[in-house]
């Protein structure tokens, strides 16, 4: 039997590689032929995974974090293709105490500039896990964009002062990126504004209080009005404009930028459809397996692209609705009712893999051939 273990990270406990390698190692010890394929959909860890897939070289660069303090980020150089992860610069994990009103995406622009200045013809940019809510204004500023208040004074845009934007000139930023193709990976399709927008849905996760939300939304709308007038583009309602605290919107104001669904783009990159043809069982997984898994996340995409194959899922917890709506060979929860699940995830994963090996050995569907 040939098994493809292809899954995402378990946030806060296991990286995608730790998950896939952990399961593959145990099953291989029981005689099963396994391929470990760590995957991602545009969130944290994407740059490392894609750089590995492309056999690229990690490069260190000092950029600004969400509060404009120096932080070391890693960019993947894969020939003329570079992989940059927004969360490496302005991620929540980079700051101890979030301060969304003073946050900026400036560091993302610095990462893009670093890539272009080193010869990037194509940049894969991920947007997940950011601590900012500035619509990408800071990123555009780092690329050469200019922002002005009503009195004509130039200023540095942050999430909490976007209402001060009376005028902006983004021509220099657009020209700087003109010769570089940018593929933006994100796993959400939220617009910039409104009930499903960046502020309403994601700002509270970044430390915004209920009282801050009107100011943040007003500022985002004002920035959108000014920026769209300056560029002649109307993109605020485009799917993904609200991703990364509105970084998606900022990217859409540039030229030569595409927004494929993050998980679909990754599966296409690794040639998943060809890989899955040659296996008997696909094991995938993530921290929480529920209806959201089928809304652009890598686990749902793996399942979608594995039609006709036996599918197993390993997760921290799974929803009852998901289990009743789908037909799987097995769904194994490793975190349910375990208060120390996050801390000892590797141990519980190994136990789960042992149980799955026993199941596969005893199952009429799987016990005929291990190699």
Foldseek 3Di string as FASTA:
>chain_A
DEEEEEAQAAPLFGGLQLQQVLLCVLLVVLQFHYDGQRAFFQAPPHQVNVLVLLVWDWDWDWFAEQLGDTAIAIWTDRDLEIEEEQCSHHAPVVDDAFDALNTASLRVLVVVLVSVVVRRQEYEYGQHGGLYQQLQQNSLVNLPKWFAFPVRDTDRDGLQCLLRGPAMASVSSQVSCVRHAYEYGYQWFFFCADCRHQLNPPNVVNPDDPVCSVSSRNSSVSNLVRLCVNQVDDPRRGTPCRTNSRSNSVVVSHPNYHYDHRLVVRCVSSVVLVVLVPGQEYEYEYAEAEPVCCRRTNRNVNVVSNPPHAYEYEYQYYDPVVVVVDDHPYYHHQNPPPPCCRVPVSVSSSVVSNVVSVVQCPDPSRNPDRD
